[in-house]
């Protein structure tokens, strides 16, 4: 367990650097809305959905209806349904940890798990534990940052404009790393092309769901080509 925890911690350091600072930003926004550290702890522990948590601040203070909240949550976090398809079989093998792995699959955790290579000396049990620790550590980083931000907001005031760019920078680093190690770039190029197309077409944050659906369709159509390229690169 110690070996798995150490491996997961080292791998999750980039996520920690992004989550702590973005969590602080969330805590500051929450505190400015009149909701203190306890709210930051409860929301980050129970909701744990970065962009939805920022939207939830307006929902809690604006008194939106349950239906509106449910629809907004569906649109904001619908992309996670596509992420989960990639790991559904792997998570099921983790048995008791399966519900938490589904709950904790954020954008950044998904990217890290996709790029994380299994060490040769790891048993199946150790690899499962490392995967679980990655998800657990990532949530701990977010919770700690959120509470810290809410506490800091009560004590000091400063201009926090631009602090959320830390997560954008983290995405860029993970994307470049995956590009360098990928055996084929067809999935990445398909995602980029579909994202640009639907963003230009819809011109709002709602472009994510149709873009992901289009990417899934492209990958299904080109599945044999992708598999052939991956087999050729492994020879």
Protein backbone atom coordinates (compact mmCIF):
# COMPACT_ATOMS: atom_id res chain seq x y z
CA UNK A 1 0.00 0.00 0.00
CA UNK A 2 2.86 2.40 0.80
CA UNK A 3 4.42 1.76 -2.61
CA UNK A 4 1.11 2.42 -4.35
CA UNK A 5 0.49 5.58 -2.30
CA UNK A 6 3.97 6.94 -3.04
CA UNK A 7 3.58 6.25 -6.76
CA UNK A 8 0.15 7.93 -6.82
CA UNK A 9 1.37 10.97 -4.90
CA UNK A 10 4.29 11.57 -7.28
CA UNK A 11 2.03 11.21 -10.31
CA UNK A 12 -0.62 13.52 -8.84
CA UNK A 13 1.72 16.41 -7.98
CA UNK A 14 0.77 18.36 -11.17
CA UNK A 15 -2.90 17.94 -10.23
CA UNK A 16 -2.13 19.15 -6.71
CA UNK A 17 -0.52 22.35 -8.00
CA UNK A 18 -3.60 23.10 -10.10
CA UNK A 19 -6.30 21.93 -7.67
CA UNK A 20 -4.98 23.75 -4.63
CA UNK A 21 -4.89 27.11 -6.39
CA UNK A 22 -8.18 26.62 -8.22
CA UNK A 23 -9.74 25.35 -4.99
CA UNK A 24 -8.54 28.52 -3.28
CA UNK A 25 -10.26 30.52 -6.02
CA UNK A 26 -13.49 28.60 -5.40
CA UNK A 27 -13.20 29.15 -1.65
CA UNK A 28 -12.73 32.89 -2.19
CA UNK A 29 -15.78 33.08 -4.46
CA UNK A 30 -17.81 31.09 -1.94
CA UNK A 31 -16.75 33.31 0.94
CA UNK A 32 -17.58 36.49 -0.99
CA UNK A 33 -21.07 35.05 -1.53
CA UNK A 34 -21.50 34.81 2.22
CA UNK A 35 -20.82 31.08 2.54
CA UNK A 36 -17.98 30.11 4.87
CA UNK A 37 -15.39 27.34 5.19
CA UNK A 38 -17.93 24.73 6.32
CA UNK A 39 -19.80 25.17 3.05
CA UNK A 40 -16.52 24.87 1.16
CA UNK A 41 -15.76 21.59 2.93
CA UNK A 42 -19.23 20.10 2.39
CA UNK A 43 -19.53 21.13 -1.28
CA UNK A 44 -16.02 19.99 -2.23
CA UNK A 45 -16.46 16.67 -0.41
CA UNK A 46 -19.98 15.87 -1.62
CA UNK A 47 -20.32 17.61 -4.99
CA UNK A 48 -16.68 17.61 -6.19
CA UNK A 49 -17.21 18.99 -9.69
CA UNK A 50 -15.03 22.04 -10.32
CA UNK A 51 -17.03 24.03 -12.86
CA UNK A 52 -20.35 22.91 -11.34
CA UNK A 53 -19.18 24.02 -7.91
CA UNK A 54 -18.56 27.54 -9.22
CA UNK A 55 -22.03 27.49 -10.80
CA UNK A 56 -23.46 26.16 -7.54
CA UNK A 57 -22.48 29.37 -5.76
CA UNK A 58 -24.95 31.29 -7.91
CA UNK A 59 -27.56 28.58 -7.46
CA UNK A 60 -27.32 28.67 -3.66
CA UNK A 61 -27.42 32.45 -3.48
CA UNK A 62 -29.94 32.94 -6.30
CA UNK A 63 -32.56 30.47 -5.15
CA UNK A 64 -32.92 28.61 -8.46
CA UNK A 65 -35.46 25.80 -8.71
CA UNK A 66 -34.58 22.12 -8.44
CA UNK A 67 -35.41 21.52 -12.11
CA UNK A 68 -33.17 24.37 -13.26
CA UNK A 69 -30.36 23.11 -11.05
CA UNK A 70 -30.72 19.54 -12.39
CA UNK A 71 -30.70 20.66 -16.04
CA UNK A 72 -27.71 22.94 -15.49
CA UNK A 73 -25.81 20.13 -13.77
CA UNK A 74 -26.61 17.77 -16.63
CA UNK A 75 -25.26 20.17 -19.25
CA UNK A 76 -22.15 21.11 -17.30
CA UNK A 77 -21.11 17.59 -16.29
CA UNK A 78 -22.51 15.52 -19.18
CA UNK A 79 -19.00 14.99 -20.58
CA UNK A 80 -18.22 12.73 -17.60
CA UNK A 81 -20.55 10.11 -19.06
CA UNK A 82 -18.15 9.79 -21.98
CA UNK A 83 -15.13 9.67 -19.69
CA UNK A 84 -16.65 6.86 -17.65
CA UNK A 85 -17.03 4.57 -20.66
CA UNK A 86 -13.25 4.36 -20.90
CA UNK A 87 -12.79 3.01 -17.38
CA UNK A 88 -16.03 1.17 -16.64
CA UNK A 89 -14.52 -2.32 -16.88
CA UNK A 90 -11.37 -1.36 -14.99
CA UNK A 91 -13.34 0.28 -12.17
CA UNK A 92 -15.70 -2.68 -11.85
CA UNK A 93 -12.72 -4.93 -11.10
CA UNK A 94 -11.95 -2.69 -8.10
CA UNK A 95 -15.19 -3.94 -6.47
CA UNK A 96 -15.86 -1.92 -3.27
CA UNK A 97 -13.94 1.08 -4.61
CA UNK A 98 -16.07 1.16 -7.78
CA UNK A 99 -18.69 3.72 -6.57
CA UNK A 100 -16.03 6.14 -5.36
CA UNK A 101 -13.99 5.80 -8.57
CA UNK A 102 -17.08 6.76 -10.59
CA UNK A 103 -17.82 9.68 -8.27
CA UNK A 104 -14.25 11.01 -8.28
CA UNK A 105 -13.57 10.84 -12.05
CA UNK A 106 -12.94 14.51 -12.79
CA UNK A 107 -11.44 15.91 -15.99
CA UNK A 108 -7.93 16.07 -14.56
CA UNK A 109 -8.09 12.67 -12.85
CA UNK A 110 -9.31 11.14 -16.10
CA UNK A 111 -6.42 12.68 -18.03
CA UNK A 112 -3.90 11.48 -15.46
CA UNK A 113 -5.28 7.93 -15.38
CA UNK A 114 -5.18 7.80 -19.18
CA UNK A 115 -1.53 8.84 -19.32
CA UNK A 116 -0.35 6.84 -16.29
CA UNK A 117 1.69 3.76 -17.22
CA UNK A 118 1.68 0.73 -14.95
CA UNK A 119 5.12 -0.09 -13.46
CA UNK A 120 6.35 -3.58 -14.30
CA UNK A 121 6.83 -4.55 -10.64
CA UNK A 122 3.25 -3.66 -9.66
CA UNK A 123 0.80 -6.47 -8.96
CA UNK A 124 -2.85 -6.10 -9.97
CA UNK A 125 -3.70 -5.22 -6.36
CA UNK A 126 -0.99 -2.55 -6.16
CA UNK A 127 -2.06 -1.05 -9.47
CA UNK A 128 -5.68 -0.84 -8.32
CA UNK A 129 -4.57 0.79 -5.07
CA UNK A 130 -2.44 3.32 -6.98
CA UNK A 131 -5.45 4.19 -9.14
CA UNK A 132 -7.61 4.63 -6.05
CA UNK A 133 -4.99 6.78 -4.32
CA UNK A 134 -4.73 9.06 -7.37
CA UNK A 135 -8.48 9.78 -7.19
CA UNK A 136 -8.41 10.16 -3.41
CA UNK A 137 -5.38 12.46 -3.38
CA UNK A 138 -6.87 14.64 -6.13
CA UNK A 139 -10.06 15.18 -4.12
CA UNK A 140 -8.06 15.91 -0.97
CA UNK A 141 -6.12 18.59 -2.86
CA UNK A 142 -9.37 20.18 -4.02
CA UNK A 143 -11.01 20.06 -0.58
CA UNK A 144 -7.91 21.50 1.09
CA UNK A 145 -7.67 24.33 -1.44
CA UNK A 146 -11.37 25.18 -1.13
CA UNK A 147 -11.30 25.35 2.65
CA UNK A 148 -8.05 27.31 2.60
CA UNK A 149 -9.54 29.82 0.15
CA UNK A 150 -12.66 30.28 2.25
CA UNK A 151 -10.55 30.83 5.37
CA UNK A 152 -8.23 33.24 3.56
CA UNK A 153 -11.22 35.20 2.28
CA UNK A 154 -12.29 35.87 5.84
CA UNK A 155 -8.87 37.15 6.87
CA UNK A 156 -7.47 39.00 3.85
CA UNK A 157 -8.77 40.69 0.72
CA UNK A 158 -6.91 40.76 -2.58
CA UNK A 159 -7.58 40.69 -6.30
CA UNK A 160 -7.80 37.01 -7.33
CA UNK A 161 -8.36 37.69 -11.05
CA UNK A 162 -6.64 35.07 -13.20
CA UNK A 163 -6.00 32.51 -10.46
CA UNK A 164 -8.22 29.97 -12.24
CA UNK A 165 -5.81 29.96 -15.21
CA UNK A 166 -3.78 27.39 -13.27
CA UNK A 167 -6.19 24.68 -14.43
CA UNK A 168 -5.91 25.76 -18.08
CA UNK A 169 -2.13 25.52 -17.83
CA UNK A 170 -2.46 22.07 -16.27
CA UNK A 171 -4.62 20.88 -19.17
CA UNK A 172 -2.01 22.11 -21.66
CA UNK A 173 0.79 20.22 -19.88
CA UNK A 174 -1.23 16.97 -19.75
CA UNK A 175 -2.26 17.36 -23.41
CA UNK A 176 1.33 17.84 -24.57
CA UNK A 177 2.49 14.83 -22.54
CA UNK A 178 -0.23 12.59 -24.00
CA UNK A 179 0.55 13.81 -27.53
CA UNK A 180 4.23 12.90 -27.12
CA UNK A 181 3.49 9.36 -25.88
CA UNK A 182 0.43 8.51 -28.01
CA UNK A 183 0.84 5.79 -30.64
CA UNK A 184 -1.60 7.56 -32.95
CA UNK A 185 -2.84 11.15 -33.00
CA UNK A 186 -6.19 10.44 -34.68
CA UNK A 187 -8.25 10.68 -31.44
CA UNK A 188 -6.57 13.96 -30.44
CA UNK A 189 -7.02 15.49 -33.89
CA UNK A 190 -10.66 14.34 -33.99
CA UNK A 191 -11.32 15.93 -30.61
CA UNK A 192 -9.63 19.18 -31.62
CA UNK A 193 -11.49 19.40 -34.94
CA UNK A 194 -14.91 18.58 -33.45
CA UNK A 195 -14.38 20.99 -30.57
CA UNK A 196 -13.45 23.88 -32.86
CA UNK A 197 -16.35 23.11 -35.22
CA UNK A 198 -19.09 23.02 -32.58
CA UNK A 199 -17.66 25.96 -30.67
CA UNK A 200 -17.85 28.03 -33.87
CA UNK A 201 -21.33 26.67 -34.59
CA UNK A 202 -22.94 27.01 -31.15
CA UNK A 203 -20.77 29.79 -29.67
CA UNK A 204 -21.47 28.86 -26.05
CA UNK A 205 -20.34 26.45 -23.36
CA UNK A 206 -23.05 24.03 -24.53
CA UNK A 207 -20.80 22.97 -27.42
CA UNK A 208 -19.11 20.30 -25.25
CA UNK A 209 -21.84 17.62 -25.39
CA UNK A 210 -22.38 17.62 -29.18
CA UNK A 211 -18.62 17.82 -29.71
CA UNK A 212 -18.06 14.75 -27.53
CA UNK A 213 -20.85 12.89 -29.34
CA UNK A 214 -19.25 13.74 -32.68
CA UNK A 215 -15.83 12.59 -31.45
CA UNK A 216 -17.32 9.29 -30.28
CA UNK A 217 -18.86 8.81 -33.73
CA UNK A 218 -15.60 9.58 -35.53
CA UNK A 219 -13.66 7.19 -33.32
CA UNK A 220 -16.19 4.40 -33.86
CA UNK A 221 -16.00 4.87 -37.62
CA UNK A 222 -12.19 4.97 -37.63
CA UNK A 223 -11.75 2.27 -34.99
CA UNK A 224 -10.06 -0.23 -37.31
CA UNK A 225 -7.66 2.39 -38.64
CA UNK A 226 -6.69 3.42 -35.11
CA UNK A 227 -6.19 -0.18 -33.99
CA UNK A 228 -4.06 -0.90 -37.06
CA UNK A 229 -1.85 2.13 -36.41
CA UNK A 230 -1.43 1.17 -32.74
CA UNK A 231 -0.45 -2.38 -33.72
CA UNK A 232 2.06 -1.10 -36.30
CA UNK A 233 3.66 1.29 -33.80
CA UNK A 234 4.09 -1.49 -31.23
CA UNK A 235 6.01 -3.73 -33.65
